[in-house]
PDB file of N, CA and C in Angstrom:
ATOM      1  N   MET A   1      -7.829  16.824  11.706  1.00  0.00           N
ATOM      2  CA  MET A   1      -7.467  15.545  11.133  1.00  0.00           C
ATOM      3  C   MET A   1      -8.283  14.456  11.812  1.00  0.00           C
ATOM      4  N   THR A   2      -8.807  13.559  11.020  1.00  0.00           N
ATOM      5  CA  THR A   2      -9.608  12.458  11.542  1.00  0.00           C
ATOM      6  C   THR A   2      -8.698  11.287  11.889  1.00  0.00           C
ATOM      7  N   HIS A   3      -8.905  10.734  13.063  1.00  0.00           N
ATOM      8  CA  HIS A   3      -8.156   9.543  13.456  1.00  0.00           C
ATOM      9  C   HIS A   3      -9.073   8.339  13.327  1.00  0.00           C
ATOM     10  N   LEU A   4      -8.590   7.326  12.646  1.00  0.00           N
ATOM     11  CA  LEU A   4      -9.392   6.137  12.418  1.00  0.00           C
ATOM     12  C   LEU A   4      -9.119   5.115  13.510  1.00  0.00           C
ATOM     13  N   ALA A   5     -10.166   4.562  14.048  1.00  0.00           N
ATOM     14  CA  ALA A   5     -10.028   3.524  15.063  1.00  0.00           C
ATOM     15  C   ALA A   5      -9.599   2.222  14.394  1.00  0.00           C
ATOM     16  N   PRO A   6      -8.816   1.414  15.086  1.00  0.00           N
ATOM     17  CA  PRO A   6      -8.418   0.134  14.515  1.00  0.00           C
ATOM     18  C   PRO A   6      -9.637  -0.747  14.254  1.00  0.00           C
ATOM     19  N   LEU A   7      -9.577  -1.493  13.174  1.00  0.00           N
ATOM     20  CA  LEU A   7     -10.664  -2.398  12.843  1.00  0.00           C
ATOM     21  C   LEU A   7     -10.495  -3.722  13.579  1.00  0.00           C
ATOM     22  N   SER A   8     -11.606  -4.306  13.957  1.00  0.00           N
ATOM     23  CA  SER A   8     -11.557  -5.638  14.547  1.00  0.00           C
ATOM     24  C   SER A   8     -11.307  -6.638  13.426  1.00  0.00           C
ATOM     25  N   PRO A   9     -10.848  -7.851  13.753  1.00  0.00           N
ATOM     26  CA  PRO A   9     -10.626  -8.845  12.693  1.00  0.00           C
ATOM     27  C   PRO A   9     -11.876  -9.122  11.867  1.00  0.00           C
ATOM     28  N   ALA A  10     -13.044  -9.037  12.480  1.00  0.00           N
ATOM     29  CA  ALA A  10     -14.290  -9.276  11.745  1.00  0.00           C
ATOM     30  C   ALA A  10     -14.571  -8.167  10.743  1.00  0.00           C
ATOM     31  N   GLU A  11     -14.095  -6.947  10.998  1.00  0.00           N
ATOM     32  CA  GLU A  11     -14.328  -5.804  10.111  1.00  0.00           C
ATOM     33  C   GLU A  11     -13.243  -5.656   9.047  1.00  0.00           C
ATOM     34  N   ALA A  12     -12.129  -6.298   9.221  1.00  0.00           N
ATOM     35  CA  ALA A  12     -10.994  -6.120   8.331  1.00  0.00           C
ATOM     36  C   ALA A  12     -11.318  -6.611   6.931  1.00  0.00           C
ATOM     37  N   ARG A  13     -10.946  -5.818   5.943  1.00  0.00           N
ATOM     38  CA  ARG A  13     -11.081  -6.231   4.551  1.00  0.00           C
ATOM     39  C   ARG A  13      -9.781  -6.883   4.138  1.00  0.00           C
ATOM     40  N   GLN A  14      -9.852  -8.110   3.749  1.00  0.00           N
ATOM     41  CA  GLN A  14      -8.654  -8.832   3.336  1.00  0.00           C
ATOM     42  C   GLN A  14      -8.740  -9.141   1.851  1.00  0.00           C
ATOM     43  N   PHE A  15      -7.621  -8.978   1.175  1.00  0.00           N
ATOM     44  CA  PHE A  15      -7.564  -9.197  -0.266  1.00  0.00           C
ATOM     45  C   PHE A  15      -6.530 -10.257  -0.610  1.00  0.00           C
ATOM     46  N   VAL A  16      -6.817 -10.958  -1.679  1.00  0.00           N
ATOM     47  CA  VAL A  16      -5.872 -11.895  -2.260  1.00  0.00           C
ATOM     48  C   VAL A  16      -5.557 -11.371  -3.650  1.00  0.00           C
ATOM     49  N   VAL A  17      -4.268 -11.313  -3.968  1.00  0.00           N
ATOM     50  CA  VAL A  17      -3.831 -10.880  -5.294  1.00  0.00           C
ATOM     51  C   VAL A  17      -3.085 -12.047  -5.928  1.00  0.00           C
ATOM     52  N   VAL A  18      -3.638 -12.557  -7.026  1.00  0.00           N
ATOM     53  CA  VAL A  18      -3.040 -13.704  -7.715  1.00  0.00           C
ATOM     54  C   VAL A  18      -3.123 -13.496  -9.216  1.00  0.00           C
ATOM     55  N   ARG A  19      -2.338 -14.261  -9.924  1.00  0.00           N
ATOM     56  CA  ARG A  19      -2.379 -14.244 -11.385  1.00  0.00           C
ATOM     57  C   ARG A  19      -3.311 -15.347 -11.851  1.00  0.00           C
ATOM     58  N   ASN A  20      -4.216 -15.022 -12.774  1.00  0.00           N
ATOM     59  CA  ASN A  20      -5.155 -16.033 -13.246  1.00  0.00           C
ATOM     60  C   ASN A  20      -4.583 -16.787 -14.449  1.00  0.00           C
ATOM     61  N   ALA A  21      -5.356 -17.732 -14.961  1.00  0.00           N
ATOM     62  CA  ALA A  21      -4.908 -18.582 -16.067  1.00  0.00           C
ATOM     63  C   ALA A  21      -4.665 -17.799 -17.357  1.00  0.00           C
ATOM     64  N   HIS A  22      -5.245 -16.608 -17.472  1.00  0.00           N
ATOM     65  CA  HIS A  22      -5.084 -15.776 -18.665  1.00  0.00           C
ATOM     66  C   HIS A  22      -3.937 -14.781 -18.544  1.00  0.00           C
ATOM     67  N   GLY A  23      -3.228 -14.819 -17.416  1.00  0.00           N
ATOM     68  CA  GLY A  23      -2.084 -13.939 -17.225  1.00  0.00           C
ATOM     69  C   GLY A  23      -2.395 -12.607 -16.582  1.00  0.00           C
ATOM     70  N   TYR A  24      -3.651 -12.368 -16.237  1.00  0.00           N
ATOM     71  CA  TYR A  24      -4.035 -11.120 -15.578  1.00  0.00           C
ATOM     72  C   TYR A  24      -3.894 -11.264 -14.063  1.00  0.00           C
ATOM     73  N   TRP A  25      -3.701 -10.141 -13.391  1.00  0.00           N
ATOM     74  CA  TRP A  25      -3.644 -10.110 -11.932  1.00  0.00           C
ATOM     75  C   TRP A  25      -5.030  -9.775 -11.402  1.00  0.00           C
ATOM     76  N   VAL A  26      -5.508 -10.585 -10.462  1.00  0.00           N
ATOM     77  CA  VAL A  26      -6.832 -10.415  -9.886  1.00  0.00           C
ATOM     78  C   VAL A  26      -6.669 -10.071  -8.412  1.00  0.00           C
ATOM     79  N   ALA A  27      -7.295  -8.980  -7.999  1.00  0.00           N
ATOM     80  CA  ALA A  27      -7.346  -8.587  -6.586  1.00  0.00           C
ATOM     81  C   ALA A  27      -8.791  -8.773  -6.144  1.00  0.00           C
ATOM     82  N   ARG A  28      -9.021  -9.670  -5.192  1.00  0.00           N
ATOM     83  CA  ARG A  28     -10.381  -9.974  -4.746  1.00  0.00           C
ATOM     84  C   ARG A  28     -10.409 -10.013  -3.226  1.00  0.00           C
ATOM     85  N   ASP A  29     -11.432  -9.366  -2.662  1.00  0.00           N
ATOM     86  CA  ASP A  29     -11.571  -9.455  -1.210  1.00  0.00           C
ATOM     87  C   ASP A  29     -12.093 -10.840  -0.857  1.00  0.00           C
ATOM     88  N   THR A  30     -11.801 -11.270   0.365  1.00  0.00           N
ATOM     89  CA  THR A  30     -12.111 -12.638   0.769  1.00  0.00           C
ATOM     90  C   THR A  30     -13.603 -12.900   0.883  1.00  0.00           C
ATOM     91  N   HIS A  31     -14.418 -11.857   0.883  1.00  0.00           N
ATOM     92  CA  HIS A  31     -15.869 -12.033   0.920  1.00  0.00           C
ATOM     93  C   HIS A  31     -16.468 -12.060  -0.484  1.00  0.00           C
ATOM     94  N   GLY A  32     -15.650 -11.822  -1.502  1.00  0.00           N
ATOM     95  CA  GLY A  32     -16.124 -11.853  -2.876  1.00  0.00           C
ATOM     96  C   GLY A  32     -16.977 -10.663  -3.283  1.00  0.00           C
ATOM     97  N   LEU A  33     -16.891  -9.580  -2.522  1.00  0.00           N
ATOM     98  CA  LEU A  33     -17.714  -8.403  -2.811  1.00  0.00           C
ATOM     99  C   LEU A  33     -17.004  -7.380  -3.692  1.00  0.00           C
ATOM    100  N   ILE A  34     -15.679  -7.375  -3.656  1.00  0.00           N
ATOM    101  CA  ILE A  34     -14.891  -6.397  -4.409  1.00  0.00           C
ATOM    102  C   ILE A  34     -13.834  -7.156  -5.197  1.00  0.00           C
ATOM    103  N   GLU A  35     -13.696  -6.823  -6.476  1.00  0.00           N
ATOM    104  CA  GLU A  35     -12.716  -7.487  -7.311  1.00  0.00           C
ATOM    105  C   GLU A  35     -12.246  -6.544  -8.402  1.00  0.00           C
ATOM    106  N   GLY A  36     -10.994  -6.662  -8.760  1.00  0.00           N
ATOM    107  CA  GLY A  36     -10.441  -5.916  -9.873  1.00  0.00           C
ATOM    108  C   GLY A  36      -9.493  -6.807 -10.659  1.00  0.00           C
ATOM    109  N   VAL A  37      -9.414  -6.604 -11.975  1.00  0.00           N
ATOM    110  CA  VAL A  37      -8.540  -7.384 -12.844  1.00  0.00           C
ATOM    111  C   VAL A  37      -7.567  -6.422 -13.507  1.00  0.00           C
ATOM    112  N   PHE A  38      -6.283  -6.767 -13.468  1.00  0.00           N
ATOM    113  CA  PHE A  38      -5.236  -5.845 -13.913  1.00  0.00           C
ATOM    114  C   PHE A  38      -4.188  -6.572 -14.742  1.00  0.00           C
ATOM    115  N   THR A  39      -3.479  -5.821 -15.559  1.00  0.00           N
ATOM    116  CA  THR A  39      -2.375  -6.387 -16.332  1.00  0.00           C
ATOM    117  C   THR A  39      -1.068  -6.322 -15.553  1.00  0.00           C
ATOM    118  N   ASP A  40      -1.046  -5.532 -14.488  1.00  0.00           N
ATOM    119  CA  ASP A  40       0.167  -5.305 -13.712  1.00  0.00           C
ATOM    120  C   ASP A  40      -0.066  -5.631 -12.239  1.00  0.00           C
ATOM    121  N   ARG A  41       0.837  -6.394 -11.623  1.00  0.00           N
ATOM    122  CA  ARG A  41       0.703  -6.780 -10.218  1.00  0.00           C
ATOM    123  C   ARG A  41       0.691  -5.564  -9.300  1.00  0.00           C
ATOM    124  N   ARG A  42       1.526  -4.585  -9.592  1.00  0.00           N
ATOM    125  CA  ARG A  42       1.593  -3.386  -8.760  1.00  0.00           C
ATOM    126  C   ARG A  42       0.248  -2.666  -8.707  1.00  0.00           C
ATOM    127  N   GLU A  43      -0.422  -2.575  -9.837  1.00  0.00           N
ATOM    128  CA  GLU A  43      -1.734  -1.922  -9.872  1.00  0.00           C
ATOM    129  C   GLU A  43      -2.784  -2.728  -9.105  1.00  0.00           C
ATOM    130  N   ALA A  44      -2.695  -4.042  -9.163  1.00  0.00           N
ATOM    131  CA  ALA A  44      -3.625  -4.885  -8.403  1.00  0.00           C
ATOM    132  C   ALA A  44      -3.437  -4.672  -6.905  1.00  0.00           C
ATOM    133  N   ILE A  45      -2.203  -4.569  -6.463  1.00  0.00           N
ATOM    134  CA  ILE A  45      -1.922  -4.323  -5.044  1.00  0.00           C
ATOM    135  C   ILE A  45      -2.374  -2.924  -4.650  1.00  0.00           C
ATOM    136  N   ARG A  46      -2.124  -1.949  -5.513  1.00  0.00           N
ATOM    137  CA  ARG A  46      -2.567  -0.582  -5.234  1.00  0.00           C
ATOM    138  C   ARG A  46      -4.090  -0.519  -5.079  1.00  0.00           C
ATOM    139  N   PHE A  47      -4.798  -1.222  -5.943  1.00  0.00           N
ATOM    140  CA  PHE A  47      -6.251  -1.293  -5.866  1.00  0.00           C
ATOM    141  C   PHE A  47      -6.694  -1.902  -4.531  1.00  0.00           C
ATOM    142  N   ALA A  48      -6.083  -3.004  -4.133  1.00  0.00           N
ATOM    143  CA  ALA A  48      -6.448  -3.666  -2.877  1.00  0.00           C
ATOM    144  C   ALA A  48      -6.208  -2.740  -1.687  1.00  0.00           C
ATOM    145  N   LEU A  49      -5.091  -2.043  -1.682  1.00  0.00           N
ATOM    146  CA  LEU A  49      -4.796  -1.114  -0.585  1.00  0.00           C
ATOM    147  C   LEU A  49      -5.786   0.048  -0.569  1.00  0.00           C
ATOM    148  N   PHE A  50      -6.146   0.560  -1.741  1.00  0.00           N
ATOM    149  CA  PHE A  50      -7.108   1.653  -1.808  1.00  0.00           C
ATOM    150  C   PHE A  50      -8.481   1.201  -1.317  1.00  0.00           C
ATOM    151  N   GLU A  51      -8.937   0.051  -1.795  1.00  0.00           N
ATOM    152  CA  GLU A  51     -10.255  -0.444  -1.406  1.00  0.00           C
ATOM    153  C   GLU A  51     -10.332  -0.774   0.080  1.00  0.00           C
ATOM    154  N   ALA A  52      -9.216  -1.146   0.662  1.00  0.00           N
ATOM    155  CA  ALA A  52      -9.183  -1.440   2.100  1.00  0.00           C
ATOM    156  C   ALA A  52      -8.867  -0.181   2.895  1.00  0.00           C
ATOM    157  N   SER A  53      -8.792   0.943   2.223  1.00  0.00           N
ATOM    158  CA  SER A  53      -8.466   2.228   2.846  1.00  0.00           C
ATOM    159  C   SER A  53      -7.126   2.190   3.570  1.00  0.00           C
ATOM    160  N   ASP A  54      -6.213   1.373   3.093  1.00  0.00           N
ATOM    161  CA  ASP A  54      -4.877   1.224   3.683  1.00  0.00           C
ATOM    162  C   ASP A  54      -4.930   0.857   5.162  1.00  0.00           C
ATOM    163  N   ARG A  55      -6.058   0.375   5.643  1.00  0.00           N
ATOM    164  CA  ARG A  55      -6.202   0.110   7.072  1.00  0.00           C
ATOM    165  C   ARG A  55      -6.109  -1.364   7.420  1.00  0.00           C
ATOM    166  N   SER A  56      -6.503  -2.224   6.506  1.00  0.00           N
ATOM    167  CA  SER A  56      -6.621  -3.608   6.919  1.00  0.00           C
ATOM    168  C   SER A  56      -6.308  -4.615   5.819  1.00  0.00           C
ATOM    169  N   ALA A  57      -5.721  -4.164   4.740  1.00  0.00           N
ATOM    170  CA  ALA A  57      -5.484  -5.068   3.623  1.00  0.00           C
ATOM    171  C   ALA A  57      -4.467  -6.130   3.988  1.00  0.00           C
ATOM    172  N   VAL A  58      -4.797  -7.327   3.665  1.00  0.00           N
ATOM    173  CA  VAL A  58      -3.864  -8.428   3.768  1.00  0.00           C
ATOM    174  C   VAL A  58      -3.746  -8.976   2.364  1.00  0.00           C
ATOM    175  N   ILE A  59      -2.564  -8.872   1.806  1.00  0.00           N
ATOM    176  CA  ILE A  59      -2.376  -9.274   0.429  1.00  0.00           C
ATOM    177  C   ILE A  59      -1.537 -10.543   0.410  1.00  0.00           C
ATOM    178  N   ALA A  60      -2.075 -11.558  -0.179  1.00  0.00           N
ATOM    179  CA  ALA A  60      -1.380 -12.828  -0.247  1.00  0.00           C
ATOM    180  C   ALA A  60      -1.569 -13.407  -1.628  1.00  0.00           C
ATOM    181  N   GLY A  61      -0.729 -14.306  -1.981  1.00  0.00           N
ATOM    182  CA  GLY A  61      -0.895 -14.969  -3.260  1.00  0.00           C
ATOM    183  C   GLY A  61       0.262 -15.893  -3.526  1.00  0.00           C
ATOM    184  N   GLY A  62       0.099 -16.687  -4.505  1.00  0.00           N
ATOM    185  CA  GLY A  62       1.118 -17.637  -4.888  1.00  0.00           C
ATOM    186  C   GLY A  62       0.517 -18.641  -5.852  1.00  0.00           C
ATOM    187  N   PRO A  63       1.300 -19.587  -6.315  1.00  0.00           N
ATOM    188  CA  PRO A  63       0.788 -20.548  -7.272  1.00  0.00           C
ATOM    189  C   PRO A  63      -0.407 -21.338  -6.756  1.00  0.00           C
ATOM    190  N   GLU A  64      -0.409 -21.688  -5.467  1.00  0.00           N
ATOM    191  CA  GLU A  64      -1.523 -22.449  -4.907  1.00  0.00           C
ATOM    192  C   GLU A  64      -2.791 -21.611  -4.844  1.00  0.00           C
ATOM    193  N   ALA A  65      -2.669 -20.314  -4.631  1.00  0.00           N
ATOM    194  CA  ALA A  65      -3.846 -19.438  -4.566  1.00  0.00           C
ATOM    195  C   ALA A  65      -4.429 -19.224  -5.959  1.00  0.00           C
ATOM    196  N   ALA A  66      -3.592 -19.233  -6.971  1.00  0.00           N
ATOM    197  CA  ALA A  66      -4.063 -18.973  -8.326  1.00  0.00           C
ATOM    198  C   ALA A  66      -4.957 -20.093  -8.839  1.00  0.00           C
ATOM    199  N   THR A  67      -4.787 -21.290  -8.339  1.00  0.00           N
ATOM    200  CA  THR A  67      -5.582 -22.402  -8.827  1.00  0.00           C
ATOM    201  C   THR A  67      -6.857 -22.590  -8.027  1.00  0.00           C
ATOM    202  N   SER A  68      -6.967 -21.942  -6.876  1.00  0.00           N
ATOM    203  CA  SER A  68      -8.194 -22.052  -6.094  1.00  0.00           C
ATOM    204  C   SER A  68      -9.133 -20.921  -6.468  1.00  0.00           C
ATOM    205  N   GLY A  69     -10.397 -21.123  -6.336  1.00  0.00           N
ATOM    206  CA  GLY A  69     -11.368 -20.084  -6.679  1.00  0.00           C
ATOM    207  C   GLY A  69     -11.741 -20.165  -8.136  1.00  0.00           C
ATOM    208  N   ALA A  70     -12.977 -20.429  -8.391  1.00  0.00           N
ATOM    209  CA  ALA A  70     -13.424 -20.639  -9.767  1.00  0.00           C
ATOM    210  C   ALA A  70     -13.302 -19.398 -10.632  1.00  0.00           C
ATOM    211  N   GLY A  71     -13.492 -18.200 -10.038  1.00  0.00           N
ATOM    212  CA  GLY A  71     -13.495 -16.988 -10.831  1.00  0.00           C
ATOM    213  C   GLY A  71     -12.127 -16.407 -11.112  1.00  0.00           C
ATOM    214  N   LEU A  72     -11.095 -16.947 -10.515  1.00  0.00           N
ATOM    215  CA  LEU A  72      -9.766 -16.354 -10.713  1.00  0.00           C
ATOM    216  C   LEU A  72      -9.141 -16.817 -11.991  1.00  0.00           C
TER     217      LEU A  72
END
């Protein structure tokens, strides 16, 4: 079994999951390199956890997050 070393804060992949103006859920990493659009919030969170390898995902969102970011 492989043991994964903890990631430093600089290496951590952080995601924001918010609902966009069209009603879709968007999961985007804070560096803008990975993004997914979903009809279901649960699937957006699952995607973020998978892409972060369940090691470092930080999932946040709310009405204020949905209005920030041009692509959301």
